[in-house]
C-alpha atoms as a PDB file:
ATOM      1  CA  MET A   1      83.375  76.311 133.230  1.00  0.00           C
ATOM      2  CA  ASN A   2      84.845  79.432 134.613  1.00  0.00           C
ATOM      3  CA  LYS A   3      82.758  79.167 137.217  1.00  0.00           C
ATOM      4  CA  GLU A   4      84.075  75.885 138.441  1.00  0.00           C
ATOM      5  CA  ILE A   5      87.745  76.733 137.945  1.00  0.00           C
ATOM      6  CA  ARG A   6      87.694  79.312 140.161  1.00  0.00           C
ATOM      7  CA  ARG A   7      85.762  77.569 142.640  1.00  0.00           C
ATOM      8  CA  LEU A   8      88.515  74.749 142.415  1.00  0.00           C
ATOM      9  CA  SER A   9      91.187  77.814 142.656  1.00  0.00           C
ATOM     10  CA  ASN A  10      89.689  79.245 145.343  1.00  0.00           C
ATOM     11  CA  PHE A  11      89.732  76.108 147.380  1.00  0.00           C
ATOM     12  CA  SER A  12      93.023  75.503 146.343  1.00  0.00           C
ATOM     13  CA  SER A  13      94.490  78.546 147.903  1.00  0.00           C
ATOM     14  CA  LEU A  14      92.199  78.110 151.091  1.00  0.00           C
ATOM     15  CA  PRO A  15      94.509  76.401 153.099  1.00  0.00           C
ATOM     16  CA  VAL A  16      98.282  78.152 152.280  1.00  0.00           C
ATOM     17  CA  LEU A  17      95.839  81.286 152.970  1.00  0.00           C
ATOM     18  CA  ILE A  18      94.894  79.944 156.772  1.00  0.00           C
ATOM     19  CA  PHE A  19      98.301  78.614 156.968  1.00  0.00           C
ATOM     20  CA  VAL A  20     100.486  81.962 156.073  1.00  0.00           C
ATOM     21  CA  LEU A  21      97.906  84.157 157.604  1.00  0.00           C
ATOM     22  CA  PHE A  22      98.231  82.008 160.818  1.00  0.00           C
ATOM     23  CA  MET A  23     101.991  82.274 160.958  1.00  0.00           C
ATOM     24  CA  GLN A  24     102.594  85.978 160.544  1.00  0.00           C
ATOM     25  CA  LEU A  25      99.746  86.641 163.266  1.00  0.00           C
ATOM     26  CA  SER A  26     100.789  83.651 166.019  1.00  0.00           C
ATOM     27  CA  ALA A  27     104.796  85.083 165.348  1.00  0.00           C
ATOM     28  CA  SER A  28     103.622  89.030 165.561  1.00  0.00           C
ATOM     29  CA  ALA A  29     101.070  87.711 168.728  1.00  0.00           C
ATOM     30  CA  ILE A  30     104.144  85.556 170.519  1.00  0.00           C
ATOM     31  CA  GLN A  31     106.952  88.407 169.720  1.00  0.00           C
ATOM     32  CA  ILE A  32     104.363  91.049 171.218  1.00  0.00           C
ATOM     33  CA  GLY A  33     103.566  88.646 174.361  1.00  0.00           C
ATOM     34  CA  VAL A  34     107.578  88.292 175.069  1.00  0.00           C
ATOM     35  CA  SER A  35     108.038  92.002 175.186  1.00  0.00           C
ATOM     36  CA  LEU A  36     105.184  92.620 177.022  1.00  0.00           C
ATOM     37  CA  LEU A  37     106.665  89.716 180.026  1.00  0.00           C
ATOM     38  CA  GLU A  38     110.169  91.381 179.810  1.00  0.00           C
ATOM     39  CA  ARG A  39     108.925  94.798 180.341  1.00  0.00           C
ATOM     40  CA  PHE A  40     106.062  94.034 182.638  1.00  0.00           C
ATOM     41  CA  ALA A  41     106.886  90.688 184.164  1.00  0.00           C
ATOM     42  CA  HIS A  42     110.694  91.580 184.045  1.00  0.00           C
ATOM     43  CA  ILE A  43     110.862  88.055 182.997  1.00  0.00           C
ATOM     44  CA  ALA A  44     112.727  87.036 179.964  1.00  0.00           C
ATOM     45  CA  LEU A  45     111.950  84.049 178.193  1.00  0.00           C
ATOM     46  CA  PRO A  46     115.330  81.891 176.591  1.00  0.00           C
ATOM     47  CA  GLU A  47     115.554  82.479 172.866  1.00  0.00           C
ATOM     48  CA  GLN A  48     115.488  78.398 172.323  1.00  0.00           C
ATOM     49  CA  LEU A  49     111.860  78.542 174.098  1.00  0.00           C
ATOM     50  CA  VAL A  50     110.286  81.579 172.584  1.00  0.00           C
ATOM     51  CA  TYR A  51     111.406  79.783 168.818  1.00  0.00           C
ATOM     52  CA  MET A  52     110.042  76.543 170.036  1.00  0.00           C
ATOM     53  CA  ILE A  53     106.772  77.893 171.160  1.00  0.00           C
ATOM     54  CA  MET A  54     106.703  79.479 167.869  1.00  0.00           C
ATOM     55  CA  TYR A  55     107.241  76.584 165.514  1.00  0.00           C
ATOM     56  CA  ILE A  56     104.473  74.924 168.542  1.00  0.00           C
ATOM     57  CA  PHE A  57     101.886  77.332 166.994  1.00  0.00           C
ATOM     58  CA  VAL A  58     102.985  77.586 163.474  1.00  0.00           C
ATOM     59  CA  TYR A  59     103.466  74.096 162.125  1.00  0.00           C
ATOM     60  CA  PRO A  60     101.380  71.715 164.509  1.00  0.00           C
ATOM     61  CA  ILE A  61      98.682  74.566 165.455  1.00  0.00           C
ATOM     62  CA  GLY A  62      98.807  76.183 162.188  1.00  0.00           C
ATOM     63  CA  GLY A  63      99.257  73.472 159.731  1.00  0.00           C
ATOM     64  CA  SER A  64      96.311  71.305 161.336  1.00  0.00           C
ATOM     65  CA  LEU A  65      94.433  74.224 161.439  1.00  0.00           C
ATOM     66  CA  ALA A  66      94.538  74.926 157.663  1.00  0.00           C
ATOM     67  CA  ALA A  67      94.254  71.258 156.710  1.00  0.00           C
ATOM     68  CA  LEU A  68      90.795  70.366 159.165  1.00  0.00           C
ATOM     69  CA  ILE A  69      89.156  73.372 157.264  1.00  0.00           C
ATOM     70  CA  PHE A  70      89.823  72.381 153.960  1.00  0.00           C
ATOM     71  CA  TYR A  71      89.190  68.532 154.373  1.00  0.00           C
ATOM     72  CA  LYS A  72      85.750  69.220 156.095  1.00  0.00           C
ATOM     73  CA  THR A  73      85.044  71.692 153.299  1.00  0.00           C
ATOM     74  CA  ARG A  74      86.216  69.714 150.338  1.00  0.00           C
ATOM     75  CA  LYS A  75      86.053  65.804 151.581  1.00  0.00           C
ATOM     76  CA  ARG A  76      81.985  65.784 150.794  1.00  0.00           C
ATOM     77  CA  GLU A  77      82.311  67.236 147.327  1.00  0.00           C
ATOM     78  CA  THR A  78      85.935  65.544 146.026  1.00  0.00           C
ATOM     79  CA  GLY A  79      85.851  62.787 148.486  1.00  0.00           C
ATOM     80  CA  LEU A  80      89.737  63.440 149.042  1.00  0.00           C
ATOM     81  CA  ARG A  81      90.802  62.662 152.580  1.00  0.00           C
ATOM     82  CA  LEU A  82      93.756  62.866 154.616  1.00  0.00           C
ATOM     83  CA  SER A  83      94.467  59.093 155.352  1.00  0.00           C
ATOM     84  CA  GLN A  84      94.236  58.262 151.530  1.00  0.00           C
ATOM     85  CA  ALA A  85      97.903  60.265 150.637  1.00  0.00           C
ATOM     86  CA  PHE A  86      99.309  57.940 153.591  1.00  0.00           C
ATOM     87  CA  CYS A  87      99.774  54.651 151.495  1.00  0.00           C
ATOM     88  CA  ARG A  88     102.224  52.359 149.805  1.00  0.00           C
ATOM     89  CA  PRO A  89     103.989  54.078 147.455  1.00  0.00           C
ATOM     90  CA  GLN A  90     103.104  52.601 143.735  1.00  0.00           C
ATOM     91  CA  MET A  91     106.127  53.038 142.005  1.00  0.00           C
ATOM     92  CA  ASN A  92     109.403  50.819 143.054  1.00  0.00           C
ATOM     93  CA  ALA A  93     112.418  51.700 145.326  1.00  0.00           C
ATOM     94  CA  GLY A  94     114.776  51.951 142.864  1.00  0.00           C
ATOM     95  CA  TRP A  95     112.745  54.677 140.838  1.00  0.00           C
ATOM     96  CA  ILE A  96     112.074  56.713 143.962  1.00  0.00           C
ATOM     97  CA  ILE A  97     115.684  56.573 145.098  1.00  0.00           C
ATOM     98  CA  LYS A  98     117.047  57.832 141.379  1.00  0.00           C
ATOM     99  CA  TYR A  99     113.979  60.491 141.658  1.00  0.00           C
ATOM    100  CA  MET A 100     114.920  61.801 145.208  1.00  0.00           C
ATOM    101  CA  ILE A 101     118.455  62.189 144.271  1.00  0.00           C
ATOM    102  CA  ILE A 102     117.478  64.400 141.337  1.00  0.00           C
ATOM    103  CA  THR A 103     115.029  66.557 143.623  1.00  0.00           C
ATOM    104  CA  TRP A 104     117.774  67.025 146.094  1.00  0.00           C
ATOM    105  CA  GLY A 105     120.609  67.488 143.531  1.00  0.00           C
ATOM    106  CA  LEU A 106     119.147  70.161 141.586  1.00  0.00           C
ATOM    107  CA  SER A 107     117.484  71.740 144.389  1.00  0.00           C
ATOM    108  CA  LEU A 108     121.245  72.564 145.735  1.00  0.00           C
ATOM    109  CA  LEU A 109     122.689  73.399 142.794  1.00  0.00           C
ATOM    110  CA  MET A 110     119.750  75.936 142.775  1.00  0.00           C
ATOM    111  CA  SER A 111     120.736  76.643 146.338  1.00  0.00           C
ATOM    112  CA  ILE A 112     124.646  77.528 145.305  1.00  0.00           C
ATOM    113  CA  ILE A 113     123.362  79.597 141.823  1.00  0.00           C
ATOM    114  CA  THR A 114     121.263  81.387 143.630  1.00  0.00           C
ATOM    115  CA  ASN A 115     123.973  82.180 146.017  1.00  0.00           C
ATOM    116  CA  ILE A 116     126.072  83.145 143.307  1.00  0.00           C
ATOM    117  CA  ILE A 117     123.735  86.055 141.463  1.00  0.00           C
ATOM    118  CA  LEU A 118     123.381  87.304 145.103  1.00  0.00           C
ATOM    119  CA  GLN A 119     126.908  87.805 145.974  1.00  0.00           C
ATOM    120  CA  ILE A 120     127.115  89.440 142.480  1.00  0.00           C
ATOM    121  CA  LEU A 121     124.166  91.904 142.306  1.00  0.00           C
ATOM    122  CA  LYS A 122     125.707  92.974 146.252  1.00  0.00           C
ATOM    123  CA  SER A 123     128.648  93.403 144.850  1.00  0.00           C
ATOM    124  CA  LEU A 124     127.749  95.273 141.750  1.00  0.00           C
ATOM    125  CA  LEU A 125     124.924  97.306 143.144  1.00  0.00           C
ATOM    126  CA  HIS A 126     126.268  98.026 146.383  1.00  0.00           C
ATOM    127  CA  LEU A 127     123.413  96.390 148.210  1.00  0.00           C
ATOM    128  CA  ASN A 128     123.775  95.665 152.248  1.00  0.00           C
ATOM    129  CA  PHE A 129     121.910  92.256 152.301  1.00  0.00           C
ATOM    130  CA  THR A 130     121.547  90.140 155.411  1.00  0.00           C
ATOM    131  CA  ASP A 131     121.461  86.619 154.990  1.00  0.00           C
ATOM    132  CA  ILE A 132     119.015  84.278 156.093  1.00  0.00           C
ATOM    133  CA  SER A 133     119.884  82.412 159.344  1.00  0.00           C
ATOM    134  CA  PHE A 134     118.404  79.680 160.556  1.00  0.00           C
ATOM    135  CA  ASP A 135     119.961  80.025 163.769  1.00  0.00           C
ATOM    136  CA  PHE A 136     118.126  78.575 166.958  1.00  0.00           C
ATOM    137  CA  GLY A 137     121.315  79.389 169.121  1.00  0.00           C
ATOM    138  CA  ASP A 138     124.508  77.563 170.442  1.00  0.00           C
ATOM    139  CA  GLY A 139     124.670  74.196 172.334  1.00  0.00           C
ATOM    140  CA  ILE A 140     122.223  71.513 173.032  1.00  0.00           C
ATOM    141  CA  GLY A 141     118.785  73.474 173.363  1.00  0.00           C
ATOM    142  CA  GLY A 142     119.320  75.305 170.139  1.00  0.00           C
ATOM    143  CA  PHE A 143     119.779  71.841 168.012  1.00  0.00           C
ATOM    144  CA  ILE A 144     116.910  70.675 169.953  1.00  0.00           C
ATOM    145  CA  VAL A 145     114.941  73.346 168.715  1.00  0.00           C
ATOM    146  CA  SER A 146     116.294  73.952 165.295  1.00  0.00           C
ATOM    147  CA  PHE A 147     115.913  69.494 164.871  1.00  0.00           C
ATOM    148  CA  VAL A 148     111.813  69.595 165.520  1.00  0.00           C
ATOM    149  CA  SER A 149     111.043  72.492 163.741  1.00  0.00           C
ATOM    150  CA  LEU A 150     112.653  72.289 160.766  1.00  0.00           C
ATOM    151  CA  CYS A 151     113.185  68.413 160.480  1.00  0.00           C
ATOM    152  CA  ILE A 152     110.129  67.176 162.235  1.00  0.00           C
ATOM    153  CA  PHE A 153     107.260  69.896 161.981  1.00  0.00           C
ATOM    154  CA  ALA A 154     108.428  71.124 158.692  1.00  0.00           C
ATOM    155  CA  PRO A 155     108.194  67.918 156.233  1.00  0.00           C
ATOM    156  CA  ILE A 156     105.280  66.524 157.907  1.00  0.00           C
ATOM    157  CA  PHE A 157     102.641  69.920 158.034  1.00  0.00           C
ATOM    158  CA  GLU A 158     104.052  71.412 154.804  1.00  0.00           C
ATOM    159  CA  GLU A 159     103.603  68.224 153.272  1.00  0.00           C
ATOM    160  CA  ILE A 160      99.974  67.795 154.224  1.00  0.00           C
ATOM    161  CA  ILE A 161      99.270  71.422 152.959  1.00  0.00           C
ATOM    162  CA  PHE A 162     101.104  71.654 149.893  1.00  0.00           C
ATOM    163  CA  ARG A 163     100.729  68.300 148.483  1.00  0.00           C
ATOM    164  CA  SER A 164      98.536  66.426 149.933  1.00  0.00           C
ATOM    165  CA  ALA A 165      95.389  68.864 150.007  1.00  0.00           C
ATOM    166  CA  VAL A 166      96.683  71.853 147.093  1.00  0.00           C
ATOM    167  CA  TYR A 167      98.128  69.674 144.618  1.00  0.00           C
ATOM    168  CA  ARG A 168      95.722  67.014 145.052  1.00  0.00           C
ATOM    169  CA  HIS A 169      92.609  69.719 144.474  1.00  0.00           C
ATOM    170  CA  THR A 170      94.577  70.993 141.846  1.00  0.00           C
ATOM    171  CA  GLU A 171      95.226  67.563 139.992  1.00  0.00           C
ATOM    172  CA  ILE A 172      92.290  67.862 138.089  1.00  0.00           C
ATOM    173  CA  MET A 173      93.491  70.923 135.993  1.00  0.00           C
ATOM    174  CA  GLY A 174      96.711  68.598 134.795  1.00  0.00           C
ATOM    175  CA  GLN A 175      99.056  67.284 136.586  1.00  0.00           C
ATOM    176  CA  SER A 176     101.608  69.801 134.979  1.00  0.00           C
ATOM    177  CA  PHE A 177      99.592  72.533 136.331  1.00  0.00           C
ATOM    178  CA  ALA A 178      99.309  71.221 139.949  1.00  0.00           C
ATOM    179  CA  VAL A 179     103.040  70.407 140.382  1.00  0.00           C
ATOM    180  CA  VAL A 180     103.780  74.044 138.943  1.00  0.00           C
ATOM    181  CA  PHE A 181     101.029  75.487 140.908  1.00  0.00           C
ATOM    182  CA  SER A 182     102.003  74.357 144.321  1.00  0.00           C
ATOM    183  CA  ALA A 183     105.561  74.416 143.668  1.00  0.00           C
ATOM    184  CA  ILE A 184     105.075  78.325 143.664  1.00  0.00           C
ATOM    185  CA  VAL A 185     103.189  78.588 146.494  1.00  0.00           C
ATOM    186  CA  PHE A 186     105.524  76.373 148.373  1.00  0.00           C
ATOM    187  CA  ALA A 187     108.431  78.371 147.006  1.00  0.00           C
ATOM    188  CA  LEU A 188     106.627  81.932 148.168  1.00  0.00           C
ATOM    189  CA  MET A 189     105.292  80.774 151.343  1.00  0.00           C
ATOM    190  CA  HIS A 190     109.137  80.570 152.589  1.00  0.00           C
ATOM    191  CA  GLY A 191     109.164  84.409 151.862  1.00  0.00           C
ATOM    192  CA  ASN A 192     112.572  85.245 151.164  1.00  0.00           C
ATOM    193  CA  LEU A 193     114.799  85.711 147.802  1.00  0.00           C
ATOM    194  CA  GLU A 194     117.354  83.101 149.215  1.00  0.00           C
ATOM    195  CA  GLN A 195     115.415  80.237 149.287  1.00  0.00           C
ATOM    196  CA  LEU A 196     112.349  81.422 146.757  1.00  0.00           C
ATOM    197  CA  PRO A 197     114.776  79.137 143.750  1.00  0.00           C
ATOM    198  CA  TYR A 198     115.856  76.219 145.283  1.00  0.00           C
ATOM    199  CA  THR A 199     112.385  75.608 146.763  1.00  0.00           C
ATOM    200  CA  PHE A 200     110.595  76.211 143.848  1.00  0.00           C
ATOM    201  CA  VAL A 201     112.721  73.414 142.054  1.00  0.00           C
ATOM    202  CA  MET A 202     112.319  71.319 145.375  1.00  0.00           C
ATOM    203  CA  GLY A 203     108.421  71.746 145.227  1.00  0.00           C
ATOM    204  CA  LEU A 204     108.393  70.640 141.796  1.00  0.00           C
ATOM    205  CA  GLY A 205     110.320  67.531 142.642  1.00  0.00           C
ATOM    206  CA  PHE A 206     107.946  66.699 146.076  1.00  0.00           C
ATOM    207  CA  ALA A 207     105.113  67.086 143.803  1.00  0.00           C
ATOM    208  CA  TYR A 208     106.392  65.291 141.112  1.00  0.00           C
ATOM    209  CA  LEU A 209     106.949  62.178 143.459  1.00  0.00           C
ATOM    210  CA  PHE A 210     103.479  62.428 144.766  1.00  0.00           C
ATOM    211  CA  ALA A 211     102.435  62.197 141.775  1.00  0.00           C
ATOM    212  CA  LYS A 212     103.883  59.232 140.779  1.00  0.00           C
ATOM    213  CA  THR A 213     103.883  57.348 144.148  1.00  0.00           C
ATOM    214  CA  ARG A 214     100.873  58.507 145.156  1.00  0.00           C
ATOM    215  CA  SER A 215     102.541  58.304 148.540  1.00  0.00           C
ATOM    216  CA  LEU A 216     103.207  61.627 150.877  1.00  0.00           C
ATOM    217  CA  LEU A 217     105.336  59.076 152.923  1.00  0.00           C
ATOM    218  CA  ILE A 218     107.849  60.145 149.799  1.00  0.00           C
ATOM    219  CA  PRO A 219     108.129  63.934 149.676  1.00  0.00           C
ATOM    220  CA  MET A 220     107.680  63.994 153.407  1.00  0.00           C
ATOM    221  CA  LEU A 221     110.810  61.566 153.692  1.00  0.00           C
ATOM    222  CA  LEU A 222     112.650  63.507 151.039  1.00  0.00           C
ATOM    223  CA  HIS A 223     111.496  66.708 153.167  1.00  0.00           C
ATOM    224  CA  PHE A 224     113.653  65.312 155.828  1.00  0.00           C
ATOM    225  CA  LEU A 225     116.480  63.911 155.065  1.00  0.00           C
ATOM    226  CA  THR A 226     116.907  67.692 152.702  1.00  0.00           C
ATOM    227  CA  ASN A 227     116.347  69.543 155.568  1.00  0.00           C
ATOM    228  CA  THR A 228     118.375  67.370 158.509  1.00  0.00           C
ATOM    229  CA  THR A 229     121.275  66.937 156.354  1.00  0.00           C
ATOM    230  CA  THR A 230     121.537  71.370 156.704  1.00  0.00           C
ATOM    231  CA  VAL A 231     120.757  71.082 160.098  1.00  0.00           C
ATOM    232  CA  ILE A 232     123.133  68.591 161.494  1.00  0.00           C
ATOM    233  CA  PHE A 233     126.573  69.772 158.884  1.00  0.00           C
ATOM    234  CA  THR A 234     125.263  73.303 159.777  1.00  0.00           C
ATOM    235  CA  SER A 235     125.499  72.350 163.959  1.00  0.00           C
ATOM    236  CA  ILE A 236     129.117  70.326 163.194  1.00  0.00           C
ATOM    237  CA  ILE A 237     130.658  73.695 160.535  1.00  0.00           C
ATOM    238  CA  GLY A 238     129.079  76.578 162.168  1.00  0.00           C
ATOM    239  CA  THR A 239     128.964  79.440 159.732  1.00  0.00           C
ATOM    240  CA  THR A 240     132.721  78.877 158.389  1.00  0.00           C
ATOM    241  CA  ASP A 241     133.561  80.958 155.768  1.00  0.00           C
ATOM    242  CA  THR A 242     135.954  81.523 153.192  1.00  0.00           C
ATOM    243  CA  ASP A 243     138.366  83.629 155.266  1.00  0.00           C
ATOM    244  CA  GLU A 244     138.083  81.124 158.595  1.00  0.00           C
ATOM    245  CA  LEU A 245     138.976  78.003 156.529  1.00  0.00           C
ATOM    246  CA  SER A 246     141.892  79.881 154.921  1.00  0.00           C
ATOM    247  CA  THR A 247     143.227  80.847 158.690  1.00  0.00           C
ATOM    248  CA  LEU A 248     142.809  77.594 159.554  1.00  0.00           C
ATOM    249  CA  LEU A 249     143.842  75.691 156.694  1.00  0.00           C
ATOM    250  CA  SER A 250     147.434  78.140 157.352  1.00  0.00           C
ATOM    251  CA  ASN A 251     147.424  77.386 160.946  1.00  0.00           C
ATOM    252  CA  ARG A 252     147.157  73.432 159.710  1.00  0.00           C
ATOM    253  CA  ASP A 253     144.584  73.041 161.704  1.00  0.00           C
ATOM    254  CA  PHE A 254     143.047  70.231 159.450  1.00  0.00           C
ATOM    255  CA  ALA A 255     140.644  68.708 162.185  1.00  0.00           C
ATOM    256  CA  ALA A 256     138.245  71.812 161.704  1.00  0.00           C
ATOM    257  CA  VAL A 257     138.619  71.222 158.516  1.00  0.00           C
ATOM    258  CA  ILE A 258     137.257  67.819 158.005  1.00  0.00           C
ATOM    259  CA  PRO A 259     133.734  68.579 158.579  1.00  0.00           C
ATOM    260  CA  THR A 260     133.107  71.584 155.947  1.00  0.00           C
ATOM    261  CA  VAL A 261     134.944  69.496 153.384  1.00  0.00           C
ATOM    262  CA  LEU A 262     132.906  66.307 153.909  1.00  0.00           C
ATOM    263  CA  TYR A 263     130.388  68.163 153.705  1.00  0.00           C
ATOM    264  CA  SER A 264     131.038  69.309 150.246  1.00  0.00           C
ATOM    265  CA  LEU A 265     131.781  66.088 149.273  1.00  0.00           C
ATOM    266  CA  VAL A 266     127.917  65.065 149.806  1.00  0.00           C
ATOM    267  CA  ILE A 267     126.627  68.210 148.656  1.00  0.00           C
ATOM    268  CA  TYR A 268     128.692  67.939 144.819  1.00  0.00           C
ATOM    269  CA  GLY A 269     128.445  64.465 145.060  1.00  0.00           C
ATOM    270  CA  ILE A 270     124.458  64.385 144.889  1.00  0.00           C
ATOM    271  CA  ILE A 271     124.828  67.672 142.572  1.00  0.00           C
ATOM    272  CA  ILE A 272     126.720  65.656 139.957  1.00  0.00           C
ATOM    273  CA  ALA A 273     124.493  62.380 140.262  1.00  0.00           C
ATOM    274  CA  ALA A 274     121.502  64.538 139.945  1.00  0.00           C
ATOM    275  CA  ILE A 275     122.756  66.111 136.882  1.00  0.00           C
ATOM    276  CA  VAL A 276     123.955  62.643 135.010  1.00  0.00           C
ATOM    277  CA  LEU A 277     120.434  60.602 136.598  1.00  0.00           C
ATOM    278  CA  GLY A 278     118.199  63.567 135.453  1.00  0.00           C
ATOM    279  CA  ILE A 279     119.996  64.242 131.806  1.00  0.00           C
ATOM    280  CA  ILE A 280     118.809  59.938 131.564  1.00  0.00           C
ATOM    281  CA  GLU A 281     115.797  60.144 132.648  1.00  0.00           C
ATOM    282  CA  LEU A 282     114.785  63.275 130.434  1.00  0.00           C
ATOM    283  CA  VAL A 283     115.917  61.252 127.507  1.00  0.00           C
ATOM    284  CA  ARG A 284     114.283  58.244 128.242  1.00  0.00           C
ATOM    285  CA  ALA A 285     110.880  60.360 128.908  1.00  0.00           C
ATOM    286  CA  ILE A 286     111.684  62.175 125.566  1.00  0.00           C
ATOM    287  CA  ARG A 287     111.899  58.748 123.444  1.00  0.00           C
ATOM    288  CA  ARG A 288     108.829  56.886 125.436  1.00  0.00           C
ATOM    289  CA  ARG A 289     106.922  60.393 124.769  1.00  0.00           C
ATOM    290  CA  GLU A 290     105.579  59.807 128.449  1.00  0.00           C
ATOM    291  CA  ARG A 291     103.629  62.801 129.959  1.00  0.00           C
ATOM    292  CA  LEU A 292     101.577  63.875 133.112  1.00  0.00           C
ATOM    293  CA  MET A 293      98.057  63.436 133.282  1.00  0.00           C
ATOM    294  CA  GLY A 294      95.960  66.199 131.504  1.00  0.00           C
ATOM    295  CA  SER A 295      93.627  68.618 132.770  1.00  0.00           C
ATOM    296  CA  ILE A 296      89.572  67.383 132.693  1.00  0.00           C
ATOM    297  CA  PHE A 297      88.768  70.883 131.156  1.00  0.00           C
ATOM    298  CA  PRO A 298      88.613  71.032 127.134  1.00  0.00           C
ATOM    299  CA  ILE A 299      90.165  74.141 127.476  1.00  0.00           C
ATOM    300  CA  SER A 300      93.766  75.901 126.336  1.00  0.00           C
ATOM    301  CA  GLY A 301      96.677  75.980 128.938  1.00  0.00           C
ATOM    302  CA  ALA A 302      97.042  79.532 128.649  1.00  0.00           C
ATOM    303  CA  LYS A 303      92.986  80.463 129.042  1.00  0.00           C
ATOM    304  CA  LYS A 304      92.722  77.730 132.104  1.00  0.00           C
ATOM    305  CA  THR A 305      95.805  79.060 133.575  1.00  0.00           C
ATOM    306  CA  ALA A 306      94.285  82.951 133.215  1.00  0.00           C
ATOM    307  CA  VAL A 307      90.488  81.953 134.579  1.00  0.00           C
ATOM    308  CA  PHE A 308      92.272  79.616 137.624  1.00  0.00           C
ATOM    309  CA  LEU A 309      94.302  82.751 138.939  1.00  0.00           C
ATOM    310  CA  THR A 310      91.199  85.333 138.635  1.00  0.00           C
ATOM    311  CA  ALA A 311      90.003  83.441 141.715  1.00  0.00           C
ATOM    312  CA  PRO A 312      89.479  85.492 144.507  1.00  0.00           C
ATOM    313  CA  VAL A 313      90.983  83.726 147.185  1.00  0.00           C
ATOM    314  CA  THR A 314      94.121  82.869 144.715  1.00  0.00           C
ATOM    315  CA  ILE A 315      94.376  86.828 144.078  1.00  0.00           C
ATOM    316  CA  ILE A 316      94.587  87.477 148.051  1.00  0.00           C
ATOM    317  CA  THR A 317      96.912  84.167 148.629  1.00  0.00           C
ATOM    318  CA  LEU A 318      99.304  85.676 145.863  1.00  0.00           C
ATOM    319  CA  ILE A 319      99.422  88.755 146.975  1.00  0.00           C
ATOM    320  CA  LEU A 320     100.042  88.428 150.310  1.00  0.00           C
ATOM    321  CA  LEU A 321     102.987  86.136 149.788  1.00  0.00           C
ATOM    322  CA  VAL A 322     104.210  88.528 146.982  1.00  0.00           C
ATOM    323  CA  LEU A 323     103.852  91.326 150.007  1.00  0.00           C
ATOM    324  CA  PHE A 324     105.796  89.221 152.795  1.00  0.00           C
ATOM    325  CA  LEU A 325     108.077  88.457 150.004  1.00  0.00           C
ATOM    326  CA  THR A 326     108.852  92.244 149.474  1.00  0.00           C
ATOM    327  CA  LEU A 327     108.660  93.341 153.024  1.00  0.00           C
ATOM    328  CA  THR A 328     111.411  90.467 154.321  1.00  0.00           C
ATOM    329  CA  THR A 329     113.501  91.655 151.303  1.00  0.00           C
ATOM    330  CA  ILE A 330     113.499  95.388 152.353  1.00  0.00           C
ATOM    331  CA  ASN A 331     113.893  94.143 156.193  1.00  0.00           C
ATOM    332  CA  GLN A 332     117.363  92.718 154.666  1.00  0.00           C
ATOM    333  CA  LEU A 333     118.250  95.386 153.339  1.00  0.00           C
ATOM    334  CA  ILE A 334     117.828  97.679 156.079  1.00  0.00           C
ATOM    335  CA  LEU A 335     118.743  95.992 159.008  1.00  0.00           C
ATOM    336  CA  LYS A 336     122.515  95.038 157.830  1.00  0.00           C
END
């Protein structure tokens, strides 16, 4: 049984390992190539073009490669096919919208809480810590690059890897286990402390939506909506901070403040709705004693988890993810 669990664990972690390694290697190779072009050929590529090339390699090529290897190696033994995940949702529209709001709102709330905690730590520990920025440049070029990479590539290929491959393959360990594990590797994959808590919450919601609807289209849609909202409002309001808002208000430049106010109203409205709906659904689940599907392995959860996490590929994957997270954090501290 232990051997079977470790084998399951190895193949569950395999697409994540392939994708992360490809992401790091391709990004480094592209940066080296751009530097060589500038040094020897005196060709300076536009920043937006470099970002676009990087994301084309990372997501369509890297994501497709990870999914292809996974499904080719596991299709015969498990019967899993990518096409099975693209189906009509098993839950009704009302249920789907309700849980999409809960997932979206709670992840936004976690993002706000994380930012507050980081600001407090910066102040108390006197840390110089650069914020993660997804600024792909000004103008239409920067918007197109950010939209294509964050709103199209990321929802499609991240959902294929983390929900269609990792979650479905791990599901026989128990749906709760699969939801949590897929959320952990999804959060670690983003590689920075600022995104870690809210992408974990988001990953829990995406996996739960997939577990209930059996359709990858639902988490893809929510992933698209969350990223697109951020990209559009960021493009409109830019990086306006509290001091800039105060200046605009003192100068009575109310037109410049409206986008920020609207964005804030939308965000807090979703958060409030998520909290209310989340409490209602939690009470209903407790009363009805609703549970996710259990594991096929007749052993305790602690032992099952310990065996799963001692599989070689899983150990390597988690070590690399934590290493990249650590290096990014150190880089943020140094570059300020």
